[in-house]
Amino acid sequence: MAKKLAQIKTKETTASVDDFINAIADEQKRKDCFAIIKMMEKATKSKAKLWGSAIIGFGNLIYTSPKTGRQVEWFKIGFSPRKANITLYLMGLQKHAEALKKLGKHKVSGGCLHINKLE
């Protein structure tokens, strides 16, 4: 028997991703976001969709929490241009610890990679 999906606040919307990005005041952050969109669309072969009010997600999947077994609808990969940095949402970051050492200035927390800029 299939589990019932948990309902979460952050869901895929029909809002314009371009309008969301174009509303970012910082020009460099806007350019970085459009570059990330191109890379993530190429990697996932999925179009960018706005999730909630501030996350851009690519592709869809049913994510099962390894701790609780709770299942939710989520995106394969995504990012959010936060005030302090750009947060990339990537599954399995811990498996790439060696590669991350070559990345330059960044922070990792759970499945999130925080960068200030693409450069």
PDB file of N, CA and C in Angstrom:
ATOM      1  N   MET A   1       0.832  -1.186   0.000  1.00  0.00           N
ATOM      2  CA  MET A   1       0.000   0.000   0.000  1.00  0.00           C
ATOM      3  C   MET A   1       0.877   1.251   0.000  1.00  0.00           C
ATOM      4  N   ALA A   2       0.585   2.196  -0.890  1.00  0.00           N
ATOM      5  CA  ALA A   2       1.363   3.424  -1.001  1.00  0.00           C
ATOM      6  C   ALA A   2       1.094   4.343   0.181  1.00  0.00           C
ATOM      7  N   LYS A   3       2.129   5.005   0.605  1.00  0.00           N
ATOM      8  CA  LYS A   3       1.992   5.962   1.700  1.00  0.00           C
ATOM      9  C   LYS A   3       1.300   7.212   1.192  1.00  0.00           C
ATOM     10  N   LYS A   4       0.575   7.880   2.076  1.00  0.00           N
ATOM     11  CA  LYS A   4      -0.039   9.160   1.734  1.00  0.00           C
ATOM     12  C   LYS A   4       1.043  10.230   1.825  1.00  0.00           C
ATOM     13  N   LEU A   5       1.110  11.092   0.800  1.00  0.00           N
ATOM     14  CA  LEU A   5       2.099  12.160   0.798  1.00  0.00           C
ATOM     15  C   LEU A   5       1.763  13.194   1.855  1.00  0.00           C
ATOM     16  N   ALA A   6       2.778  13.625   2.593  1.00  0.00           N
ATOM     17  CA  ALA A   6       2.593  14.696   3.564  1.00  0.00           C
ATOM     18  C   ALA A   6       2.399  16.005   2.801  1.00  0.00           C
ATOM     19  N   GLN A   7       1.549  16.862   3.301  1.00  0.00           N
ATOM     20  CA  GLN A   7       1.326  18.164   2.683  1.00  0.00           C
ATOM     21  C   GLN A   7       2.261  19.183   3.335  1.00  0.00           C
ATOM     22  N   ILE A   8       3.053  19.842   2.520  1.00  0.00           N
ATOM     23  CA  ILE A   8       3.976  20.850   3.027  1.00  0.00           C
ATOM     24  C   ILE A   8       3.628  22.207   2.426  1.00  0.00           C
ATOM     25  N   LYS A   9       4.109  23.269   3.052  1.00  0.00           N
ATOM     26  CA  LYS A   9       3.789  24.625   2.604  1.00  0.00           C
ATOM     27  C   LYS A   9       4.421  24.972   1.269  1.00  0.00           C
ATOM     28  N   THR A  10       5.645  24.520   1.044  1.00  0.00           N
ATOM     29  CA  THR A  10       6.363  24.875  -0.179  1.00  0.00           C
ATOM     30  C   THR A  10       5.946  23.932  -1.300  1.00  0.00           C
ATOM     31  N   LYS A  11       5.210  24.491  -2.268  1.00  0.00           N
ATOM     32  CA  LYS A  11       4.710  23.703  -3.392  1.00  0.00           C
ATOM     33  C   LYS A  11       5.043  24.402  -4.701  1.00  0.00           C
ATOM     34  N   GLU A  12       5.058  23.630  -5.765  1.00  0.00           N
ATOM     35  CA  GLU A  12       5.274  24.185  -7.097  1.00  0.00           C
ATOM     36  C   GLU A  12       4.156  25.161  -7.425  1.00  0.00           C
ATOM     37  N   THR A  13       4.520  26.307  -8.030  1.00  0.00           N
ATOM     38  CA  THR A  13       3.530  27.318  -8.399  1.00  0.00           C
ATOM     39  C   THR A  13       3.596  27.569  -9.907  1.00  0.00           C
ATOM     40  N   THR A  14       2.721  28.427 -10.390  1.00  0.00           N
ATOM     41  CA  THR A  14       2.739  28.818 -11.801  1.00  0.00           C
ATOM     42  C   THR A  14       3.321  30.221 -11.972  1.00  0.00           C
ATOM     43  N   ALA A  15       3.854  30.807 -10.905  1.00  0.00           N
ATOM     44  CA  ALA A  15       4.432  32.152 -10.966  1.00  0.00           C
ATOM     45  C   ALA A  15       5.635  32.169 -11.906  1.00  0.00           C
ATOM     46  N   SER A  16       5.931  33.334 -12.465  1.00  0.00           N
ATOM     47  CA  SER A  16       7.021  33.485 -13.427  1.00  0.00           C
ATOM     48  C   SER A  16       8.385  33.483 -12.737  1.00  0.00           C
ATOM     49  N   VAL A  17       9.234  32.544 -13.151  1.00  0.00           N
ATOM     50  CA  VAL A  17      10.605  32.484 -12.636  1.00  0.00           C
ATOM     51  C   VAL A  17      11.372  33.724 -13.092  1.00  0.00           C
ATOM     52  N   ASP A  18      11.214  34.127 -14.366  1.00  0.00           N
ATOM     53  CA  ASP A  18      11.915  35.312 -14.876  1.00  0.00           C
ATOM     54  C   ASP A  18      11.535  36.563 -14.088  1.00  0.00           C
ATOM     55  N   ASP A  19      10.250  36.751 -13.812  1.00  0.00           N
ATOM     56  CA  ASP A  19       9.815  37.918 -13.038  1.00  0.00           C
ATOM     57  C   ASP A  19      10.443  37.900 -11.646  1.00  0.00           C
ATOM     58  N   PHE A  20      10.491  36.719 -11.033  1.00  0.00           N
ATOM     59  CA  PHE A  20      11.096  36.587  -9.699  1.00  0.00           C
ATOM     60  C   PHE A  20      12.569  36.987  -9.740  1.00  0.00           C
ATOM     61  N   ILE A  21      13.320  36.453 -10.703  1.00  0.00           N
ATOM     62  CA  ILE A  21      14.746  36.764 -10.802  1.00  0.00           C
ATOM     63  C   ILE A  21      14.960  38.232 -11.155  1.00  0.00           C
ATOM     64  N   ASN A  22      14.182  38.756 -12.089  1.00  0.00           N
ATOM     65  CA  ASN A  22      14.348  40.151 -12.500  1.00  0.00           C
ATOM     66  C   ASN A  22      14.046  41.140 -11.382  1.00  0.00           C
ATOM     67  N   ALA A  23      13.347  40.712 -10.343  1.00  0.00           N
ATOM     68  CA  ALA A  23      13.041  41.584  -9.202  1.00  0.00           C
ATOM     69  C   ALA A  23      14.201  41.659  -8.201  1.00  0.00           C
ATOM     70  N   ILE A  24      15.253  40.864  -8.400  1.00  0.00           N
ATOM     71  CA  ILE A  24      16.419  40.897  -7.508  1.00  0.00           C
ATOM     72  C   ILE A  24      17.197  42.173  -7.790  1.00  0.00           C
ATOM     73  N   ALA A  25      17.462  42.962  -6.749  1.00  0.00           N
ATOM     74  CA  ALA A  25      18.129  44.258  -6.909  1.00  0.00           C
ATOM     75  C   ALA A  25      19.576  44.133  -7.378  1.00  0.00           C
ATOM     76  N   ASP A  26      20.313  43.151  -6.856  1.00  0.00           N
ATOM     77  CA  ASP A  26      21.735  43.007  -7.154  1.00  0.00           C
ATOM     78  C   ASP A  26      21.936  42.418  -8.549  1.00  0.00           C
ATOM     79  N   GLU A  27      22.576  43.193  -9.433  1.00  0.00           N
ATOM     80  CA  GLU A  27      22.750  42.762 -10.822  1.00  0.00           C
ATOM     81  C   GLU A  27      23.567  41.479 -10.943  1.00  0.00           C
ATOM     82  N   GLN A  28      24.656  41.351 -10.176  1.00  0.00           N
ATOM     83  CA  GLN A  28      25.485  40.153 -10.249  1.00  0.00           C
ATOM     84  C   GLN A  28      24.705  38.914  -9.806  1.00  0.00           C
ATOM     85  N   LYS A  29      23.909  39.066  -8.756  1.00  0.00           N
ATOM     86  CA  LYS A  29      23.112  37.933  -8.277  1.00  0.00           C
ATOM     87  C   LYS A  29      22.093  37.522  -9.340  1.00  0.00           C
ATOM     88  N   ARG A  30      21.492  38.510 -10.026  1.00  0.00           N
ATOM     89  CA  ARG A  30      20.547  38.202 -11.118  1.00  0.00           C
ATOM     90  C   ARG A  30      21.256  37.403 -12.209  1.00  0.00           C
ATOM     91  N   LYS A  31      22.438  37.868 -12.634  1.00  0.00           N
ATOM     92  CA  LYS A  31      23.196  37.170 -13.689  1.00  0.00           C
ATOM     93  C   LYS A  31      23.547  35.756 -13.244  1.00  0.00           C
ATOM     94  N   ASP A  32      24.001  35.609 -11.997  1.00  0.00           N
ATOM     95  CA  ASP A  32      24.339  34.287 -11.469  1.00  0.00           C
ATOM     96  C   ASP A  32      23.116  33.376 -11.480  1.00  0.00           C
ATOM     97  N   CYS A  33      21.964  33.904 -11.094  1.00  0.00           N
ATOM     98  CA  CYS A  33      20.742  33.095 -11.055  1.00  0.00           C
ATOM     99  C   CYS A  33      20.346  32.607 -12.443  1.00  0.00           C
ATOM    100  N   PHE A  34      20.425  33.477 -13.443  1.00  0.00           N
ATOM    101  CA  PHE A  34      20.098  33.041 -14.799  1.00  0.00           C
ATOM    102  C   PHE A  34      21.091  31.992 -15.292  1.00  0.00           C
ATOM    103  N   ALA A  35      22.365  32.113 -14.911  1.00  0.00           N
ATOM    104  CA  ALA A  35      23.367  31.100 -15.281  1.00  0.00           C
ATOM    105  C   ALA A  35      23.069  29.769 -14.591  1.00  0.00           C
ATOM    106  N   ILE A  36      22.688  29.820 -13.321  1.00  0.00           N
ATOM    107  CA  ILE A  36      22.345  28.592 -12.583  1.00  0.00           C
ATOM    108  C   ILE A  36      21.127  27.921 -13.213  1.00  0.00           C
ATOM    109  N   ILE A  37      20.150  28.718 -13.617  1.00  0.00           N
ATOM    110  CA  ILE A  37      18.957  28.156 -14.270  1.00  0.00           C
ATOM    111  C   ILE A  37      19.371  27.375 -15.519  1.00  0.00           C
ATOM    112  N   LYS A  38      20.236  27.961 -16.350  1.00  0.00           N
ATOM    113  CA  LYS A  38      20.677  27.264 -17.572  1.00  0.00           C
ATOM    114  C   LYS A  38      21.368  25.949 -17.231  1.00  0.00           C
ATOM    115  N   MET A  39      22.257  25.979 -16.228  1.00  0.00           N
ATOM    116  CA  MET A  39      22.983  24.765 -15.847  1.00  0.00           C
ATOM    117  C   MET A  39      22.040  23.691 -15.308  1.00  0.00           C
ATOM    118  N   MET A  40      21.109  24.092 -14.449  1.00  0.00           N
ATOM    119  CA  MET A  40      20.210  23.112 -13.829  1.00  0.00           C
ATOM    120  C   MET A  40      19.200  22.573 -14.831  1.00  0.00           C
ATOM    121  N   GLU A  41      18.740  23.416 -15.766  1.00  0.00           N
ATOM    122  CA  GLU A  41      17.834  22.910 -16.807  1.00  0.00           C
ATOM    123  C   GLU A  41      18.554  21.895 -17.687  1.00  0.00           C
ATOM    124  N   LYS A  42      19.815  22.168 -18.003  1.00  0.00           N
ATOM    125  CA  LYS A  42      20.596  21.232 -18.822  1.00  0.00           C
ATOM    126  C   LYS A  42      20.815  19.920 -18.066  1.00  0.00           C
ATOM    127  N   ALA A  43      21.152  20.018 -16.783  1.00  0.00           N
ATOM    128  CA  ALA A  43      21.445  18.819 -15.986  1.00  0.00           C
ATOM    129  C   ALA A  43      20.212  17.958 -15.757  1.00  0.00           C
ATOM    130  N   THR A  44      19.055  18.584 -15.576  1.00  0.00           N
ATOM    131  CA  THR A  44      17.839  17.829 -15.244  1.00  0.00           C
ATOM    132  C   THR A  44      16.932  17.596 -16.449  1.00  0.00           C
ATOM    133  N   LYS A  45      17.175  18.329 -17.535  1.00  0.00           N
ATOM    134  CA  LYS A  45      16.280  18.309 -18.699  1.00  0.00           C
ATOM    135  C   LYS A  45      14.851  18.685 -18.286  1.00  0.00           C
ATOM    136  N   SER A  46      14.759  19.575 -17.285  1.00  0.00           N
ATOM    137  CA  SER A  46      13.473  20.056 -16.767  1.00  0.00           C
ATOM    138  C   SER A  46      13.490  21.573 -16.713  1.00  0.00           C
ATOM    139  N   LYS A  47      12.343  22.171 -16.955  1.00  0.00           N
ATOM    140  CA  LYS A  47      12.213  23.623 -16.895  1.00  0.00           C
ATOM    141  C   LYS A  47      12.171  24.099 -15.448  1.00  0.00           C
ATOM    142  N   ALA A  48      12.660  25.310 -15.240  1.00  0.00           N
ATOM    143  CA  ALA A  48      12.631  25.942 -13.918  1.00  0.00           C
ATOM    144  C   ALA A  48      11.196  26.261 -13.523  1.00  0.00           C
ATOM    145  N   LYS A  49      10.853  25.973 -12.270  1.00  0.00           N
ATOM    146  CA  LYS A  49       9.534  26.282 -11.715  1.00  0.00           C
ATOM    147  C   LYS A  49       9.735  26.954 -10.361  1.00  0.00           C
ATOM    148  N   LEU A  50       8.884  27.932 -10.064  1.00  0.00           N
ATOM    149  CA  LEU A  50       8.963  28.574  -8.758  1.00  0.00           C
ATOM    150  C   LEU A  50       8.204  27.722  -7.749  1.00  0.00           C
ATOM    151  N   TRP A  51       8.880  27.410  -6.654  1.00  0.00           N
ATOM    152  CA  TRP A  51       8.291  26.644  -5.551  1.00  0.00           C
ATOM    153  C   TRP A  51       8.120  27.602  -4.395  1.00  0.00           C
ATOM    154  N   GLY A  52       6.908  27.715  -3.890  1.00  0.00           N
ATOM    155  CA  GLY A  52       6.652  28.695  -2.843  1.00  0.00           C
ATOM    156  C   GLY A  52       6.914  30.073  -3.418  1.00  0.00           C
ATOM    157  N   SER A  53       7.456  30.963  -2.588  1.00  0.00           N
ATOM    158  CA  SER A  53       7.681  32.323  -3.056  1.00  0.00           C
ATOM    159  C   SER A  53       9.138  32.615  -3.392  1.00  0.00           C
ATOM    160  N   ALA A  54      10.057  31.675  -3.113  1.00  0.00           N
ATOM    161  CA  ALA A  54      11.461  32.038  -3.275  1.00  0.00           C
ATOM    162  C   ALA A  54      12.413  30.908  -3.651  1.00  0.00           C
ATOM    163  N   ILE A  55      11.911  29.738  -4.048  1.00  0.00           N
ATOM    164  CA  ILE A  55      12.783  28.632  -4.440  1.00  0.00           C
ATOM    165  C   ILE A  55      12.504  28.277  -5.896  1.00  0.00           C
ATOM    166  N   ILE A  56      13.567  28.076  -6.659  1.00  0.00           N
ATOM    167  CA  ILE A  56      13.431  27.653  -8.047  1.00  0.00           C
ATOM    168  C   ILE A  56      13.852  26.190  -8.113  1.00  0.00           C
ATOM    169  N   GLY A  57      12.917  25.338  -8.508  1.00  0.00           N
ATOM    170  CA  GLY A  57      13.164  23.907  -8.544  1.00  0.00           C
ATOM    171  C   GLY A  57      13.105  23.361  -9.959  1.00  0.00           C
ATOM    172  N   PHE A  58      13.742  22.207 -10.149  1.00  0.00           N
ATOM    173  CA  PHE A  58      13.846  21.568 -11.465  1.00  0.00           C
ATOM    174  C   PHE A  58      13.487  20.099 -11.322  1.00  0.00           C
ATOM    175  N   GLY A  59      12.542  19.645 -12.121  1.00  0.00           N
ATOM    176  CA  GLY A  59      12.116  18.254 -12.048  1.00  0.00           C
ATOM    177  C   GLY A  59      11.268  18.011 -10.811  1.00  0.00           C
ATOM    178  N   ASN A  60      10.691  16.830 -10.735  1.00  0.00           N
ATOM    179  CA  ASN A  60       9.836  16.466  -9.607  1.00  0.00           C
ATOM    180  C   ASN A  60      10.183  15.066  -9.145  1.00  0.00           C
ATOM    181  N   LEU A  61      10.030  14.850  -7.859  1.00  0.00           N
ATOM    182  CA  LEU A  61      10.217  13.521  -7.302  1.00  0.00           C
ATOM    183  C   LEU A  61       9.425  13.395  -6.013  1.00  0.00           C
ATOM    184  N   ILE A  62       9.310  12.184  -5.548  1.00  0.00           N
ATOM    185  CA  ILE A  62       8.735  11.922  -4.232  1.00  0.00           C
ATOM    186  C   ILE A  62       9.927  11.660  -3.320  1.00  0.00           C
ATOM    187  N   TYR A  63      10.144  12.554  -2.371  1.00  0.00           N
ATOM    188  CA  TYR A  63      11.273  12.434  -1.444  1.00  0.00           C
ATOM    189  C   TYR A  63      10.801  11.739  -0.179  1.00  0.00           C
ATOM    190  N   THR A  64      11.550  10.739   0.240  1.00  0.00           N
ATOM    191  CA  THR A  64      11.259  10.028   1.480  1.00  0.00           C
ATOM    192  C   THR A  64      12.341  10.375   2.496  1.00  0.00           C
ATOM    193  N   SER A  65      11.942  10.941   3.606  1.00  0.00           N
ATOM    194  CA  SER A  65      12.890  11.282   4.661  1.00  0.00           C
ATOM    195  C   SER A  65      13.506  10.012   5.226  1.00  0.00           C
ATOM    196  N   PRO A  66      14.850   9.932   5.249  1.00  0.00           N
ATOM    197  CA  PRO A  66      15.484   8.733   5.796  1.00  0.00           C
ATOM    198  C   PRO A  66      15.260   8.590   7.307  1.00  0.00           C
ATOM    199  N   LYS A  67      14.984   9.689   7.981  1.00  0.00           N
ATOM    200  CA  LYS A  67      14.788   9.643   9.435  1.00  0.00           C
ATOM    201  C   LYS A  67      13.363   9.257   9.826  1.00  0.00           C
ATOM    202  N   THR A  68      12.375   9.841   9.117  1.00  0.00           N
ATOM    203  CA  THR A  68      10.981   9.648   9.531  1.00  0.00           C
ATOM    204  C   THR A  68      10.170   8.772   8.586  1.00  0.00           C
ATOM    205  N   GLY A  69      10.649   8.594   7.347  1.00  0.00           N
ATOM    206  CA  GLY A  69       9.892   7.845   6.358  1.00  0.00           C
ATOM    207  C   GLY A  69       8.798   8.675   5.709  1.00  0.00           C
ATOM    208  N   ARG A  70       8.641   9.926   6.152  1.00  0.00           N
ATOM    209  CA  ARG A  70       7.618  10.823   5.591  1.00  0.00           C
ATOM    210  C   ARG A  70       7.940  11.104   4.130  1.00  0.00           C
ATOM    211  N   GLN A  71       6.924  11.093   3.288  1.00  0.00           N
ATOM    212  CA  GLN A  71       7.100  11.356   1.865  1.00  0.00           C
ATOM    213  C   GLN A  71       6.444  12.676   1.482  1.00  0.00           C
ATOM    214  N   VAL A  72       7.163  13.440   0.625  1.00  0.00           N
ATOM    215  CA  VAL A  72       6.649  14.720   0.140  1.00  0.00           C
ATOM    216  C   VAL A  72       6.976  14.874  -1.334  1.00  0.00           C
ATOM    217  N   GLU A  73       6.173  15.687  -2.020  1.00  0.00           N
ATOM    218  CA  GLU A  73       6.497  16.062  -3.390  1.00  0.00           C
ATOM    219  C   GLU A  73       7.571  17.134  -3.298  1.00  0.00           C
ATOM    220  N   TRP A  74       8.636  16.995  -4.108  1.00  0.00           N
ATOM    221  CA  TRP A  74       9.743  17.931  -4.047  1.00  0.00           C
ATOM    222  C   TRP A  74      10.381  18.027  -5.418  1.00  0.00           C
ATOM    223  N   PHE A  75      11.408  18.795  -5.565  1.00  0.00           N
ATOM    224  CA  PHE A  75      12.124  18.935  -6.835  1.00  0.00           C
ATOM    225  C   PHE A  75      13.431  18.140  -6.775  1.00  0.00           C
ATOM    226  N   LYS A  76      13.985  17.803  -7.951  1.00  0.00           N
ATOM    227  CA  LYS A  76      15.238  17.037  -8.001  1.00  0.00           C
ATOM    228  C   LYS A  76      16.405  17.871  -7.492  1.00  0.00           C
ATOM    229  N   ILE A  77      16.557  19.065  -8.038  1.00  0.00           N
ATOM    230  CA  ILE A  77      17.545  20.035  -7.571  1.00  0.00           C
ATOM    231  C   ILE A  77      16.913  21.411  -7.644  1.00  0.00           C
ATOM    232  N   GLY A  78      17.484  22.356  -6.912  1.00  0.00           N
ATOM    233  CA  GLY A  78      16.931  23.696  -6.935  1.00  0.00           C
ATOM    234  C   GLY A  78      17.872  24.683  -6.274  1.00  0.00           C
ATOM    235  N   PHE A  79      17.419  25.950  -6.255  1.00  0.00           N
ATOM    236  CA  PHE A  79      18.203  26.983  -5.587  1.00  0.00           C
ATOM    237  C   PHE A  79      17.296  28.137  -5.186  1.00  0.00           C
ATOM    238  N   SER A  80      17.832  28.978  -4.300  1.00  0.00           N
ATOM    239  CA  SER A  80      17.107  30.157  -3.870  1.00  0.00           C
ATOM    240  C   SER A  80      18.089  31.307  -3.692  1.00  0.00           C
ATOM    241  N   PRO A  81      17.809  32.436  -4.337  1.00  0.00           N
ATOM    242  CA  PRO A  81      18.663  33.609  -4.143  1.00  0.00           C
ATOM    243  C   PRO A  81      18.278  34.307  -2.836  1.00  0.00           C
ATOM    244  N   ARG A  82      18.954  33.957  -1.765  1.00  0.00           N
ATOM    245  CA  ARG A  82      18.699  34.542  -0.453  1.00  0.00           C
ATOM    246  C   ARG A  82      19.422  35.876  -0.338  1.00  0.00           C
ATOM    247  N   LYS A  83      19.082  36.641   0.683  1.00  0.00           N
ATOM    248  CA  LYS A  83      19.716  37.945   0.877  1.00  0.00           C
ATOM    249  C   LYS A  83      21.225  37.800   1.072  1.00  0.00           C
ATOM    250  N   ALA A  84      21.638  36.854   1.915  1.00  0.00           N
ATOM    251  CA  ALA A  84      23.057  36.695   2.250  1.00  0.00           C
ATOM    252  C   ALA A  84      23.845  35.918   1.196  1.00  0.00           C
ATOM    253  N   ASN A  85      23.186  35.000   0.473  1.00  0.00           N
ATOM    254  CA  ASN A  85      23.899  34.149  -0.479  1.00  0.00           C
ATOM    255  C   ASN A  85      22.902  33.453  -1.400  1.00  0.00           C
ATOM    256  N   ILE A  86      23.430  32.597  -2.241  1.00  0.00           N
ATOM    257  CA  ILE A  86      22.581  31.746  -3.080  1.00  0.00           C
ATOM    258  C   ILE A  86      22.656  30.351  -2.476  1.00  0.00           C
ATOM    259  N   THR A  87      21.505  29.796  -2.165  1.00  0.00           N
ATOM    260  CA  THR A  87      21.446  28.463  -1.577  1.00  0.00           C
ATOM    261  C   THR A  87      21.051  27.467  -2.651  1.00  0.00           C
ATOM    262  N   LEU A  88      21.903  26.458  -2.865  1.00  0.00           N
ATOM    263  CA  LEU A  88      21.628  25.395  -3.819  1.00  0.00           C
ATOM    264  C   LEU A  88      21.127  24.183  -3.051  1.00  0.00           C
ATOM    265  N   TYR A  89      20.021  23.614  -3.477  1.00  0.00           N
ATOM    266  CA  TYR A  89      19.435  22.426  -2.838  1.00  0.00           C
ATOM    267  C   TYR A  89      19.812  21.210  -3.665  1.00  0.00           C
ATOM    268  N   LEU A  90      20.706  20.388  -3.116  1.00  0.00           N
ATOM    269  CA  LEU A  90      21.251  19.241  -3.842  1.00  0.00           C
ATOM    270  C   LEU A  90      21.223  18.021  -2.937  1.00  0.00           C
ATOM    271  N   MET A  91      20.696  16.936  -3.422  1.00  0.00           N
ATOM    272  CA  MET A  91      20.659  15.697  -2.647  1.00  0.00           C
ATOM    273  C   MET A  91      22.039  15.050  -2.626  1.00  0.00           C
ATOM    274  N   GLY A  92      22.396  14.435  -1.529  1.00  0.00           N
ATOM    275  CA  GLY A  92      23.624  13.656  -1.441  1.00  0.00           C
ATOM    276  C   GLY A  92      24.911  14.445  -1.469  1.00  0.00           C
ATOM    277  N   LEU A  93      24.897  15.667  -0.965  1.00  0.00           N
ATOM    278  CA  LEU A  93      26.109  16.492  -0.964  1.00  0.00           C
ATOM    279  C   LEU A  93      27.274  15.835  -0.234  1.00  0.00           C
ATOM    280  N   GLN A  94      26.981  15.087   0.807  1.00  0.00           N
ATOM    281  CA  GLN A  94      28.034  14.478   1.620  1.00  0.00           C
ATOM    282  C   GLN A  94      28.914  13.543   0.790  1.00  0.00           C
ATOM    283  N   LYS A  95      28.355  12.951  -0.261  1.00  0.00           N
ATOM    284  CA  LYS A  95      29.114  12.035  -1.121  1.00  0.00           C
ATOM    285  C   LYS A  95      30.177  12.760  -1.935  1.00  0.00           C
ATOM    286  N   HIS A  96      30.088  14.089  -1.989  1.00  0.00           N
ATOM    287  CA  HIS A  96      30.971  14.872  -2.856  1.00  0.00           C
ATOM    288  C   HIS A  96      31.931  15.754  -2.066  1.00  0.00           C
ATOM    289  N   ALA A  97      32.296  15.322  -0.871  1.00  0.00           N
ATOM    290  CA  ALA A  97      33.166  16.115   0.006  1.00  0.00           C
ATOM    291  C   ALA A  97      34.488  16.477  -0.671  1.00  0.00           C
ATOM    292  N   GLU A  98      35.094  15.541  -1.384  1.00  0.00           N
ATOM    293  CA  GLU A  98      36.379  15.816  -2.059  1.00  0.00           C
ATOM    294  C   GLU A  98      36.220  16.876  -3.141  1.00  0.00           C
ATOM    295  N   ALA A  99      35.189  16.750  -3.952  1.00  0.00           N
ATOM    296  CA  ALA A  99      34.953  17.726  -5.023  1.00  0.00           C
ATOM    297  C   ALA A  99      34.645  19.106  -4.442  1.00  0.00           C
ATOM    298  N   LEU A 100      33.940  19.153  -3.335  1.00  0.00           N
ATOM    299  CA  LEU A 100      33.590  20.432  -2.718  1.00  0.00           C
ATOM    300  C   LEU A 100      34.822  21.190  -2.227  1.00  0.00           C
ATOM    301  N   LYS A 101      35.893  20.479  -1.907  1.00  0.00           N
ATOM    302  CA  LYS A 101      37.127  21.132  -1.460  1.00  0.00           C
ATOM    303  C   LYS A 101      37.702  22.029  -2.560  1.00  0.00           C
ATOM    304  N   LYS A 102      37.396  21.728  -3.821  1.00  0.00           N
ATOM    305  CA  LYS A 102      37.903  22.493  -4.959  1.00  0.00           C
ATOM    306  C   LYS A 102      37.002  23.676  -5.312  1.00  0.00           C
ATOM    307  N   LEU A 103      35.877  23.782  -4.649  1.00  0.00           N
ATOM    308  CA  LEU A 103      34.849  24.747  -5.034  1.00  0.00           C
ATOM    309  C   LEU A 103      35.194  26.189  -4.711  1.00  0.00           C
ATOM    310  N   GLY A 104      35.980  26.446  -3.705  1.00  0.00           N
ATOM    311  CA  GLY A 104      36.200  27.825  -3.291  1.00  0.00           C
ATOM    312  C   GLY A 104      35.325  28.110  -2.082  1.00  0.00           C
ATOM    313  N   LYS A 105      35.116  29.384  -1.804  1.00  0.00           N
ATOM    314  CA  LYS A 105      34.386  29.776  -0.602  1.00  0.00           C
ATOM    315  C   LYS A 105      32.922  29.325  -0.667  1.00  0.00           C
ATOM    316  N   HIS A 106      32.524  28.511   0.307  1.00  0.00           N
ATOM    317  CA  HIS A 106      31.149  28.013   0.383  1.00  0.00           C
ATOM    318  C   HIS A 106      30.888  27.456   1.782  1.00  0.00           C
ATOM    319  N   LYS A 107      29.624  27.189   2.073  1.00  0.00           N
ATOM    320  CA  LYS A 107      29.221  26.514   3.303  1.00  0.00           C
ATOM    321  C   LYS A 107      28.260  25.397   2.921  1.00  0.00           C
ATOM    322  N   VAL A 108      28.281  24.316   3.707  1.00  0.00           N
ATOM    323  CA  VAL A 108      27.363  23.205   3.490  1.00  0.00           C
ATOM    324  C   VAL A 108      26.582  22.975   4.769  1.00  0.00           C
ATOM    325  N   SER A 109      25.267  22.815   4.630  1.00  0.00           N
ATOM    326  CA  SER A 109      24.431  22.435   5.776  1.00  0.00           C
ATOM    327  C   SER A 109      23.366  21.486   5.261  1.00  0.00           C
ATOM    328  N   GLY A 110      23.405  20.245   5.718  1.00  0.00           N
ATOM    329  CA  GLY A 110      22.457  19.238   5.235  1.00  0.00           C
ATOM    330  C   GLY A 110      22.593  19.071   3.732  1.00  0.00           C
ATOM    331  N   GLY A 111      21.502  19.214   3.014  1.00  0.00           N
ATOM    332  CA  GLY A 111      21.500  19.110   1.564  1.00  0.00           C
ATOM    333  C   GLY A 111      21.622  20.452   0.874  1.00  0.00           C
ATOM    334  N   CYS A 112      22.117  21.483   1.603  1.00  0.00           N
ATOM    335  CA  CYS A 112      22.226  22.832   1.052  1.00  0.00           C
ATOM    336  C   CYS A 112      23.678  23.248   0.887  1.00  0.00           C
ATOM    337  N   LEU A 113      23.956  23.837  -0.250  1.00  0.00           N
ATOM    338  CA  LEU A 113      25.264  24.409  -0.536  1.00  0.00           C
ATOM    339  C   LEU A 113      25.061  25.907  -0.656  1.00  0.00           C
ATOM    340  N   HIS A 114      25.747  26.675   0.164  1.00  0.00           N
ATOM    341  CA  HIS A 114      25.601  28.130   0.190  1.00  0.00           C
ATOM    342  C   HIS A 114      26.807  28.777  -0.463  1.00  0.00           C
ATOM    343  N   ILE A 115      26.564  29.583  -1.487  1.00  0.00           N
ATOM    344  CA  ILE A 115      27.637  30.308  -2.176  1.00  0.00           C
ATOM    345  C   ILE A 115      27.273  31.786  -2.239  1.00  0.00           C
ATOM    346  N   ASN A 116      28.284  32.641  -2.306  1.00  0.00           N
ATOM    347  CA  ASN A 116      28.014  34.074  -2.431  1.00  0.00           C
ATOM    348  C   ASN A 116      27.832  34.465  -3.882  1.00  0.00           C
ATOM    349  N   LYS A 117      28.620  33.840  -4.768  1.00  0.00           N
ATOM    350  CA  LYS A 117      28.534  34.126  -6.200  1.00  0.00           C
ATOM    351  C   LYS A 117      29.144  32.979  -6.977  1.00  0.00           C
ATOM    352  N   LEU A 118      28.806  32.890  -8.252  1.00  0.00           N
ATOM    353  CA  LEU A 118      29.322  31.808  -9.084  1.00  0.00           C
ATOM    354  C   LEU A 118      30.824  31.945  -9.342  1.00  0.00           C
ATOM    355  N   GLU A 119      31.289  33.146  -9.456  1.00  0.00           N
ATOM    356  CA  GLU A 119      32.696  33.388  -9.737  1.00  0.00           C
ATOM    357  C   GLU A 119      33.572  32.652  -8.764  1.00  0.00           C
TER     358      GLU A 119
END
